[in-house]
Amino acid sequence: VGDGMLFAAIVTRLKKTHGIATVIVPHADMQFVLRHHDRHRRKLMLSETLDGPGRVFQAAVLLANLEARDEISLVCEKFKPEDANQEKLARVTFANYFAAAIVMPYTAFAEAAESLGYDIDLLCGRFSASFEQVAHRLTTLSRPGKSSVPFFMVRVDAAGNISKRFSSGAFPFSRVGGTCARWNIHHAFQRPGVIERQSVEMPDGSKWLTISRTVTSTLQAWNSSGAQFVISLGCALKYAPRLVYGRDIDVKASASTPIGINCRLCERPNCAQRS
């Protein structure tokens, strides 16, 4: 289903079932707000800077909060958040998962991912989703009996700040500081829109295949300074033969770039990139 058809279906459901009208609002009025649910006027207001996949996702998030509220509450109770902030974050996370599942249903998406060799661009086309949406969805395919390649995903800005971390594998993320300068996640900013591939080795000897590419958060007006990020998706190197990005890699003999978690925590001596 194309994003236009899916968006129309969600908009219709919001209107008929919940009496909520969806309107696309000029950027001048929304500024940096992408979605606003006006409960009094019963309107879902979406910024015109959202592209097709973005509009679908934001509308689906509201649908999740309206129709899956009880299910989300049950899951939150199971995890027992320690405070209100944790519970709010958990609710946002599960609503986002609901939205992703509408766009990319588990079974159909998992089967397509495997058959296409986890080619992200082809998955974007098949499910009318963005690069970031597909990369994130790939980290959630761990259903018992139907699990796929365990991926991790990280999103960074040009200054090295990490704004997203997701993992169904065991990649050693740092909770403080940025990333390793030898990881080509940073080089991707020099070639916008081009996928950069790299095999890396951590200090513990574990090897990983990573692909990195720039993305923009929204459509950008002329001469505006919009946000740009790099999404890096990776998995253990042993899964490389299942990915179009790694079928030409000799898993046993291929050399990998030695990297660390980050400079503050890295144990590698004599590194020319150490800060």
C-alpha atoms as a PDB file:
ATOM      1  CA  VAL A   1       0.000   0.000   0.000  1.00  0.00           C
ATOM      2  CA  GLY A   2       1.444   3.388  -0.974  1.00  0.00           C
ATOM      3  CA  ASP A   3       1.896   6.034   1.707  1.00  0.00           C
ATOM      4  CA  GLY A   4      -0.841   8.143   0.093  1.00  0.00           C
ATOM      5  CA  MET A   5      -3.394   5.329   0.350  1.00  0.00           C
ATOM      6  CA  LEU A   6      -2.347   4.430   3.895  1.00  0.00           C
ATOM      7  CA  PHE A   7      -2.430   8.054   4.989  1.00  0.00           C
ATOM      8  CA  ALA A   8      -5.939   8.431   3.531  1.00  0.00           C
ATOM      9  CA  ALA A   9      -7.066   5.271   5.357  1.00  0.00           C
ATOM     10  CA  ILE A  10      -5.729   6.499   8.717  1.00  0.00           C
ATOM     11  CA  VAL A  11      -7.201   9.972   8.212  1.00  0.00           C
ATOM     12  CA  THR A  12     -10.589   8.428   7.393  1.00  0.00           C
ATOM     13  CA  ARG A  13     -10.484   6.237  10.494  1.00  0.00           C
ATOM     14  CA  LEU A  14      -9.569   9.172  12.716  1.00  0.00           C
ATOM     15  CA  LYS A  15     -12.509  11.124  11.321  1.00  0.00           C
ATOM     16  CA  LYS A  16     -15.181   8.402  11.280  1.00  0.00           C
ATOM     17  CA  THR A  17     -14.240   6.598  14.495  1.00  0.00           C
ATOM     18  CA  HIS A  18     -12.946   9.435  16.647  1.00  0.00           C
ATOM     19  CA  GLY A  19     -14.338  12.578  15.044  1.00  0.00           C
ATOM     20  CA  ILE A  20     -10.864  14.025  14.523  1.00  0.00           C
ATOM     21  CA  ALA A  21     -10.116  15.969  11.328  1.00  0.00           C
ATOM     22  CA  THR A  22      -6.584  15.973   9.927  1.00  0.00           C
ATOM     23  CA  VAL A  23      -5.173  19.205   8.503  1.00  0.00           C
ATOM     24  CA  ILE A  24      -1.809  20.052   6.979  1.00  0.00           C
ATOM     25  CA  VAL A  25      -0.579  23.302   8.527  1.00  0.00           C
ATOM     26  CA  PRO A  26       1.924  25.790   7.012  1.00  0.00           C
ATOM     27  CA  HIS A  27       5.444  25.705   8.397  1.00  0.00           C
ATOM     28  CA  ALA A  28       5.138  29.360   9.460  1.00  0.00           C
ATOM     29  CA  ASP A  29       2.394  28.368  11.909  1.00  0.00           C
ATOM     30  CA  MET A  30       3.903  25.090  13.174  1.00  0.00           C
ATOM     31  CA  GLN A  31       7.578  26.160  13.264  1.00  0.00           C
ATOM     32  CA  PHE A  32       9.468  23.170  14.710  1.00  0.00           C
ATOM     33  CA  VAL A  33       6.379  21.267  15.902  1.00  0.00           C
ATOM     34  CA  LEU A  34       5.625  18.339  13.599  1.00  0.00           C
ATOM     35  CA  ARG A  35       2.379  17.082  15.146  1.00  0.00           C
ATOM     36  CA  HIS A  36      -0.198  18.710  17.405  1.00  0.00           C
ATOM     37  CA  HIS A  37      -3.454  17.153  18.559  1.00  0.00           C
ATOM     38  CA  ASP A  38      -5.922  19.940  19.322  1.00  0.00           C
ATOM     39  CA  ARG A  39      -8.350  18.126  21.624  1.00  0.00           C
ATOM     40  CA  HIS A  40     -10.767  21.045  21.936  1.00  0.00           C
ATOM     41  CA  ARG A  41     -11.202  21.593  18.213  1.00  0.00           C
ATOM     42  CA  ARG A  42     -10.778  17.859  17.494  1.00  0.00           C
ATOM     43  CA  LYS A  43      -8.030  18.350  14.942  1.00  0.00           C
ATOM     44  CA  LEU A  44      -4.784  16.602  14.157  1.00  0.00           C
ATOM     45  CA  MET A  45      -2.425  19.264  12.864  1.00  0.00           C
ATOM     46  CA  LEU A  46       0.569  18.077  10.819  1.00  0.00           C
ATOM     47  CA  SER A  47       3.390  20.277   9.585  1.00  0.00           C
ATOM     48  CA  GLU A  48       3.701  20.662   5.834  1.00  0.00           C
ATOM     49  CA  THR A  49       7.427  19.925   6.219  1.00  0.00           C
ATOM     50  CA  LEU A  50       6.635  16.252   6.865  1.00  0.00           C
ATOM     51  CA  ASP A  51       7.128  14.068   3.800  1.00  0.00           C
ATOM     52  CA  GLY A  52       4.718  11.256   2.897  1.00  0.00           C
ATOM     53  CA  PRO A  53       6.153   8.584   5.236  1.00  0.00           C
ATOM     54  CA  GLY A  54       6.408  11.180   8.009  1.00  0.00           C
ATOM     55  CA  ARG A  55       2.736  12.142   7.739  1.00  0.00           C
ATOM     56  CA  VAL A  56       1.677   8.510   7.829  1.00  0.00           C
ATOM     57  CA  PHE A  57       3.796   7.824  10.902  1.00  0.00           C
ATOM     58  CA  GLN A  58       2.611  10.875  12.850  1.00  0.00           C
ATOM     59  CA  ALA A  59      -1.052  10.124  12.100  1.00  0.00           C
ATOM     60  CA  ALA A  60      -0.523   6.488  13.109  1.00  0.00           C
ATOM     61  CA  VAL A  61       0.992   7.576  16.442  1.00  0.00           C
ATOM     62  CA  LEU A  62      -2.216   9.431  17.302  1.00  0.00           C
ATOM     63  CA  LEU A  63      -4.224   6.369  16.274  1.00  0.00           C
ATOM     64  CA  ALA A  64      -2.098   4.285  18.643  1.00  0.00           C
ATOM     65  CA  ASN A  65      -2.765   6.644  21.552  1.00  0.00           C
ATOM     66  CA  LEU A  66      -6.494   6.509  20.842  1.00  0.00           C
ATOM     67  CA  GLU A  67      -7.028   2.836  20.055  1.00  0.00           C
ATOM     68  CA  ALA A  68      -4.209   1.013  21.826  1.00  0.00           C
ATOM     69  CA  ARG A  69      -4.210   3.000  25.073  1.00  0.00           C
ATOM     70  CA  ASP A  70      -5.254   0.023  27.209  1.00  0.00           C
ATOM     71  CA  GLU A  71      -2.730  -2.340  25.610  1.00  0.00           C
ATOM     72  CA  ILE A  72       0.050   0.209  26.084  1.00  0.00           C
ATOM     73  CA  SER A  73      -0.962   0.640  29.729  1.00  0.00           C
ATOM     74  CA  LEU A  74      -0.784  -3.131  30.299  1.00  0.00           C
ATOM     75  CA  VAL A  75       2.710  -3.331  28.814  1.00  0.00           C
ATOM     76  CA  CYS A  76       3.850  -0.345  30.882  1.00  0.00           C
ATOM     77  CA  GLU A  77       2.540  -1.993  34.046  1.00  0.00           C
ATOM     78  CA  LYS A  78       4.529  -5.114  33.232  1.00  0.00           C
ATOM     79  CA  PHE A  79       7.770  -3.113  33.024  1.00  0.00           C
ATOM     80  CA  LYS A  80       6.913  -1.080  36.141  1.00  0.00           C
ATOM     81  CA  PRO A  81       8.375   2.365  35.266  1.00  0.00           C
ATOM     82  CA  GLU A  82      10.064   3.973  38.269  1.00  0.00           C
ATOM     83  CA  ASP A  83       8.563   7.426  37.797  1.00  0.00           C
ATOM     84  CA  ALA A  84       6.230   9.496  35.636  1.00  0.00           C
ATOM     85  CA  ASN A  85       8.991  10.444  33.206  1.00  0.00           C
ATOM     86  CA  GLN A  86       9.873   6.807  32.552  1.00  0.00           C
ATOM     87  CA  GLU A  87       6.232   5.920  32.049  1.00  0.00           C
ATOM     88  CA  LYS A  88       5.771   8.815  29.606  1.00  0.00           C
ATOM     89  CA  LEU A  89       8.834   7.705  27.636  1.00  0.00           C
ATOM     90  CA  ALA A  90       7.579   4.110  27.618  1.00  0.00           C
ATOM     91  CA  ARG A  91       4.195   5.194  26.277  1.00  0.00           C
ATOM     92  CA  VAL A  92       5.850   7.196  23.502  1.00  0.00           C
ATOM     93  CA  THR A  93       8.037   4.208  22.616  1.00  0.00           C
ATOM     94  CA  PHE A  94       5.124   1.775  22.410  1.00  0.00           C
ATOM     95  CA  ALA A  95       2.966   4.212  20.440  1.00  0.00           C
ATOM     96  CA  ASN A  96       5.829   4.618  17.983  1.00  0.00           C
ATOM     97  CA  TYR A  97       6.124   0.834  17.715  1.00  0.00           C
ATOM     98  CA  PHE A  98       2.395   0.619  16.988  1.00  0.00           C
ATOM     99  CA  ALA A  99       2.786   3.206  14.225  1.00  0.00           C
ATOM    100  CA  ALA A 100       5.732   1.363  12.688  1.00  0.00           C
ATOM    101  CA  ALA A 101       3.759  -1.890  12.748  1.00  0.00           C
ATOM    102  CA  ILE A 102       0.926  -0.247  10.793  1.00  0.00           C
ATOM    103  CA  VAL A 103       3.331   0.884   8.076  1.00  0.00           C
ATOM    104  CA  MET A 104       5.492  -2.264   8.166  1.00  0.00           C
ATOM    105  CA  PRO A 105       3.480  -5.259   9.502  1.00  0.00           C
ATOM    106  CA  TYR A 106       5.765  -7.744  11.245  1.00  0.00           C
ATOM    107  CA  THR A 107       5.372 -10.887   9.136  1.00  0.00           C
ATOM    108  CA  ALA A 108       5.171  -9.156   5.754  1.00  0.00           C
ATOM    109  CA  PHE A 109       8.100  -6.893   6.565  1.00  0.00           C
ATOM    110  CA  ALA A 110      10.300  -9.654   8.021  1.00  0.00           C
ATOM    111  CA  GLU A 111       9.715 -11.905   5.013  1.00  0.00           C
ATOM    112  CA  ALA A 112      10.394  -9.060   2.588  1.00  0.00           C
ATOM    113  CA  ALA A 113      13.553  -8.070   4.453  1.00  0.00           C
ATOM    114  CA  GLU A 114      14.939 -11.605   4.231  1.00  0.00           C
ATOM    115  CA  SER A 115      13.996 -12.096   0.580  1.00  0.00           C
ATOM    116  CA  LEU A 116      15.487  -8.731  -0.434  1.00  0.00           C
ATOM    117  CA  GLY A 117      18.720  -9.289   1.474  1.00  0.00           C
ATOM    118  CA  TYR A 118      17.850  -6.465   3.884  1.00  0.00           C
ATOM    119  CA  ASP A 119      18.241  -3.926   1.081  1.00  0.00           C
ATOM    120  CA  ILE A 120      16.988  -0.805   2.853  1.00  0.00           C
ATOM    121  CA  ASP A 121      16.250   1.214  -0.278  1.00  0.00           C
ATOM    122  CA  LEU A 122      14.103  -1.584  -1.726  1.00  0.00           C
ATOM    123  CA  LEU A 123      12.287  -1.960   1.601  1.00  0.00           C
ATOM    124  CA  CYS A 124      11.658   1.799   1.601  1.00  0.00           C
ATOM    125  CA  GLY A 125      10.037   1.479  -1.812  1.00  0.00           C
ATOM    126  CA  ARG A 126       7.983  -1.583  -0.991  1.00  0.00           C
ATOM    127  CA  PHE A 127       6.544  -0.206   2.259  1.00  0.00           C
ATOM    128  CA  SER A 128       6.566   3.515   1.367  1.00  0.00           C
ATOM    129  CA  ALA A 129       8.705   4.225   4.420  1.00  0.00           C
ATOM    130  CA  SER A 130      11.745   6.396   5.060  1.00  0.00           C
ATOM    131  CA  PHE A 131      15.317   5.145   5.459  1.00  0.00           C
ATOM    132  CA  GLU A 132      15.226   5.855   9.185  1.00  0.00           C
ATOM    133  CA  GLN A 133      11.847   4.159   9.644  1.00  0.00           C
ATOM    134  CA  VAL A 134      13.039   1.000   7.894  1.00  0.00           C
ATOM    135  CA  ALA A 135      16.339   0.932   9.789  1.00  0.00           C
ATOM    136  CA  HIS A 136      14.521   1.306  13.109  1.00  0.00           C
ATOM    137  CA  ARG A 137      11.978  -1.382  12.205  1.00  0.00           C
ATOM    138  CA  LEU A 138      14.800  -3.816  11.425  1.00  0.00           C
ATOM    139  CA  THR A 139      15.937  -3.590  15.060  1.00  0.00           C
ATOM    140  CA  THR A 140      12.540  -4.851  16.284  1.00  0.00           C
ATOM    141  CA  LEU A 141      12.314  -8.188  14.449  1.00  0.00           C
ATOM    142  CA  SER A 142      12.987 -10.468  17.415  1.00  0.00           C
ATOM    143  CA  ARG A 143       9.673 -12.289  17.791  1.00  0.00           C
ATOM    144  CA  PRO A 144      10.287 -15.836  19.137  1.00  0.00           C
ATOM    145  CA  GLY A 145      10.274 -18.323  16.283  1.00  0.00           C
ATOM    146  CA  LYS A 146      10.218 -15.559  13.666  1.00  0.00           C
ATOM    147  CA  SER A 147      13.356 -13.604  14.448  1.00  0.00           C
ATOM    148  CA  SER A 148      15.518 -12.048  11.755  1.00  0.00           C
ATOM    149  CA  VAL A 149      19.072 -10.731  11.719  1.00  0.00           C
ATOM    150  CA  PRO A 150      19.630  -8.934  15.058  1.00  0.00           C
ATOM    151  CA  PHE A 151      20.475  -5.347  14.166  1.00  0.00           C
ATOM    152  CA  PHE A 152      21.481  -2.275  16.128  1.00  0.00           C
ATOM    153  CA  MET A 153      20.855   1.295  15.019  1.00  0.00           C
ATOM    154  CA  VAL A 154      22.309   4.603  16.103  1.00  0.00           C
ATOM    155  CA  ARG A 155      21.551   8.168  14.976  1.00  0.00           C
ATOM    156  CA  VAL A 156      24.151  10.918  15.345  1.00  0.00           C
ATOM    157  CA  ASP A 157      24.460  14.552  14.316  1.00  0.00           C
ATOM    158  CA  ALA A 158      27.512  16.270  12.832  1.00  0.00           C
ATOM    159  CA  ALA A 159      28.816  17.105  16.316  1.00  0.00           C
ATOM    160  CA  GLY A 160      28.767  13.434  17.316  1.00  0.00           C
ATOM    161  CA  ASN A 161      25.760  13.691  19.632  1.00  0.00           C
ATOM    162  CA  ILE A 162      23.786  10.446  19.748  1.00  0.00           C
ATOM    163  CA  SER A 163      20.024  11.002  19.689  1.00  0.00           C
ATOM    164  CA  LYS A 164      18.828   7.433  19.136  1.00  0.00           C
ATOM    165  CA  ARG A 165      20.100   4.002  20.148  1.00  0.00           C
ATOM    166  CA  PHE A 166      18.223   0.786  19.424  1.00  0.00           C
ATOM    167  CA  SER A 167      19.520  -2.754  19.480  1.00  0.00           C
ATOM    168  CA  SER A 168      18.311  -6.323  19.235  1.00  0.00           C
ATOM    169  CA  GLY A 169      21.915  -7.500  19.289  1.00  0.00           C
ATOM    170  CA  ALA A 170      24.796  -7.036  21.699  1.00  0.00           C
ATOM    171  CA  PHE A 171      26.656  -4.052  20.235  1.00  0.00           C
ATOM    172  CA  PRO A 172      28.439  -2.256  23.123  1.00  0.00           C
ATOM    173  CA  PHE A 173      26.867   1.197  23.108  1.00  0.00           C
ATOM    174  CA  SER A 174      28.323   3.867  25.350  1.00  0.00           C
ATOM    175  CA  ARG A 175      25.895   5.805  27.516  1.00  0.00           C
ATOM    176  CA  VAL A 176      28.289   8.756  27.760  1.00  0.00           C
ATOM    177  CA  GLY A 177      30.232  10.639  25.110  1.00  0.00           C
ATOM    178  CA  GLY A 178      30.091  10.210  21.354  1.00  0.00           C
ATOM    179  CA  THR A 179      31.346   7.459  19.052  1.00  0.00           C
ATOM    180  CA  CYS A 180      34.744   6.353  17.771  1.00  0.00           C
ATOM    181  CA  ALA A 181      36.346   8.657  15.191  1.00  0.00           C
ATOM    182  CA  ARG A 182      37.529   5.641  13.179  1.00  0.00           C
ATOM    183  CA  TRP A 183      33.970   4.468  12.622  1.00  0.00           C
ATOM    184  CA  ASN A 184      32.868   5.817   9.234  1.00  0.00           C
ATOM    185  CA  ILE A 185      29.532   6.927  10.628  1.00  0.00           C
ATOM    186  CA  HIS A 186      31.167  10.383  10.710  1.00  0.00           C
ATOM    187  CA  HIS A 187      32.494  10.177   7.138  1.00  0.00           C
ATOM    188  CA  ALA A 188      28.959   9.701   5.838  1.00  0.00           C
ATOM    189  CA  PHE A 189      28.305  13.425   6.329  1.00  0.00           C
ATOM    190  CA  GLN A 190      30.830  14.081   3.534  1.00  0.00           C
ATOM    191  CA  ARG A 191      28.756  12.080   1.024  1.00  0.00           C
ATOM    192  CA  PRO A 192      25.090  12.913   1.675  1.00  0.00           C
ATOM    193  CA  GLY A 193      22.638  10.219   0.604  1.00  0.00           C
ATOM    194  CA  VAL A 194      25.344   7.618  -0.118  1.00  0.00           C
ATOM    195  CA  ILE A 195      25.487   4.393   1.908  1.00  0.00           C
ATOM    196  CA  GLU A 196      28.909   3.845   3.484  1.00  0.00           C
ATOM    197  CA  ARG A 197      29.860   0.271   4.408  1.00  0.00           C
ATOM    198  CA  GLN A 198      32.434  -0.755   6.983  1.00  0.00           C
ATOM    199  CA  SER A 199      33.527  -3.851   8.866  1.00  0.00           C
ATOM    200  CA  VAL A 200      34.655  -2.946  12.380  1.00  0.00           C
ATOM    201  CA  GLU A 201      36.215  -4.795  15.291  1.00  0.00           C
ATOM    202  CA  MET A 202      35.687  -3.880  18.936  1.00  0.00           C
ATOM    203  CA  PRO A 203      38.404  -4.246  21.631  1.00  0.00           C
ATOM    204  CA  ASP A 204      36.803  -7.511  22.812  1.00  0.00           C
ATOM    205  CA  GLY A 205      37.365  -9.049  19.371  1.00  0.00           C
ATOM    206  CA  SER A 206      33.738  -8.948  18.235  1.00  0.00           C
ATOM    207  CA  LYS A 207      33.283  -7.974  14.572  1.00  0.00           C
ATOM    208  CA  TRP A 208      30.399  -6.039  13.092  1.00  0.00           C
ATOM    209  CA  LEU A 209      29.171  -4.996   9.661  1.00  0.00           C
ATOM    210  CA  THR A 210      27.785  -1.445   9.591  1.00  0.00           C
ATOM    211  CA  ILE A 211      26.162   0.720   6.938  1.00  0.00           C
ATOM    212  CA  SER A 212      25.733   4.456   7.409  1.00  0.00           C
ATOM    213  CA  ARG A 213      23.858   7.146   5.475  1.00  0.00           C
ATOM    214  CA  THR A 214      22.706  10.712   5.997  1.00  0.00           C
ATOM    215  CA  VAL A 215      19.041  11.541   6.505  1.00  0.00           C
ATOM    216  CA  THR A 216      17.142  14.781   7.056  1.00  0.00           C
ATOM    217  CA  SER A 217      14.433  15.029   9.670  1.00  0.00           C
ATOM    218  CA  THR A 218      11.934  16.943   7.503  1.00  0.00           C
ATOM    219  CA  LEU A 219      11.546  18.688   4.161  1.00  0.00           C
ATOM    220  CA  GLN A 220      13.561  21.883   4.126  1.00  0.00           C
ATOM    221  CA  ALA A 221      12.625  25.335   2.898  1.00  0.00           C
ATOM    222  CA  TRP A 222      15.118  27.149   0.661  1.00  0.00           C
ATOM    223  CA  ASN A 223      18.048  28.616   2.554  1.00  0.00           C
ATOM    224  CA  SER A 224      16.952  27.081   5.849  1.00  0.00           C
ATOM    225  CA  SER A 225      19.296  25.320   8.243  1.00  0.00           C
ATOM    226  CA  GLY A 226      17.482  22.036   8.723  1.00  0.00           C
ATOM    227  CA  ALA A 227      18.718  19.176  10.859  1.00  0.00           C
ATOM    228  CA  GLN A 228      20.823  16.465   9.244  1.00  0.00           C
ATOM    229  CA  PHE A 229      21.763  13.169  10.857  1.00  0.00           C
ATOM    230  CA  VAL A 230      23.536   9.944  10.000  1.00  0.00           C
ATOM    231  CA  ILE A 231      21.784   6.648  10.585  1.00  0.00           C
ATOM    232  CA  SER A 232      24.077   3.674  11.104  1.00  0.00           C
ATOM    233  CA  LEU A 233      22.645   0.161  11.025  1.00  0.00           C
ATOM    234  CA  GLY A 234      24.768  -2.824  11.931  1.00  0.00           C
ATOM    235  CA  CYS A 235      24.862  -6.503  12.835  1.00  0.00           C
ATOM    236  CA  ALA A 236      27.416  -9.103  13.842  1.00  0.00           C
ATOM    237  CA  LEU A 237      29.757  -9.803  10.901  1.00  0.00           C
ATOM    238  CA  LYS A 238      28.716 -13.468  10.827  1.00  0.00           C
ATOM    239  CA  TYR A 239      25.368 -12.384   9.346  1.00  0.00           C
ATOM    240  CA  ALA A 240      27.035 -10.564   6.424  1.00  0.00           C
ATOM    241  CA  PRO A 241      26.203 -13.277   3.835  1.00  0.00           C
ATOM    242  CA  ARG A 242      22.491 -12.674   4.458  1.00  0.00           C
ATOM    243  CA  LEU A 243      22.795  -8.969   3.585  1.00  0.00           C
ATOM    244  CA  VAL A 244      23.236  -7.483   0.108  1.00  0.00           C
ATOM    245  CA  TYR A 245      25.786  -5.192   1.731  1.00  0.00           C
ATOM    246  CA  GLY A 246      28.016  -8.050   2.863  1.00  0.00           C
ATOM    247  CA  ARG A 247      27.751 -10.935   0.414  1.00  0.00           C
ATOM    248  CA  ASP A 248      31.168 -10.158  -1.053  1.00  0.00           C
ATOM    249  CA  ILE A 249      32.864 -10.139   2.355  1.00  0.00           C
ATOM    250  CA  ASP A 250      34.948 -13.117   3.469  1.00  0.00           C
ATOM    251  CA  VAL A 251      33.737 -13.334   7.053  1.00  0.00           C
ATOM    252  CA  LYS A 252      36.741 -15.363   8.215  1.00  0.00           C
ATOM    253  CA  ALA A 253      39.547 -13.617   6.332  1.00  0.00           C
ATOM    254  CA  SER A 254      38.360 -10.055   5.833  1.00  0.00           C
ATOM    255  CA  ALA A 255      40.205  -7.357   7.745  1.00  0.00           C
ATOM    256  CA  SER A 256      38.100  -5.122   9.992  1.00  0.00           C
ATOM    257  CA  THR A 257      38.818  -1.588  11.169  1.00  0.00           C
ATOM    258  CA  PRO A 258      39.671  -1.586  14.889  1.00  0.00           C
ATOM    259  CA  ILE A 259      37.438   0.877  16.725  1.00  0.00           C
ATOM    260  CA  GLY A 260      36.460   1.533  20.323  1.00  0.00           C
ATOM    261  CA  ILE A 261      33.319   2.531  22.175  1.00  0.00           C
ATOM    262  CA  ASN A 262      34.599   6.115  22.357  1.00  0.00           C
ATOM    263  CA  CYS A 263      37.864   7.786  23.297  1.00  0.00           C
ATOM    264  CA  ARG A 264      36.981   8.165  26.959  1.00  0.00           C
ATOM    265  CA  LEU A 265      36.298   4.435  27.384  1.00  0.00           C
ATOM    266  CA  CYS A 266      38.567   2.948  24.710  1.00  0.00           C
ATOM    267  CA  GLU A 267      41.345   0.596  25.819  1.00  0.00           C
ATOM    268  CA  ARG A 268      43.267   0.619  22.533  1.00  0.00           C
ATOM    269  CA  PRO A 269      46.828   2.015  22.879  1.00  0.00           C
ATOM    270  CA  ASN A 270      48.655   4.063  20.244  1.00  0.00           C
ATOM    271  CA  CYS A 271      45.584   5.231  18.335  1.00  0.00           C
ATOM    272  CA  ALA A 272      46.278   8.174  16.023  1.00  0.00           C
ATOM    273  CA  GLN A 273      42.665   9.366  16.400  1.00  0.00           C
ATOM    274  CA  ARG A 274      42.644   9.435  20.199  1.00  0.00           C
ATOM    275  CA  SER A 275      41.430  12.772  21.513  1.00  0.00           C
END
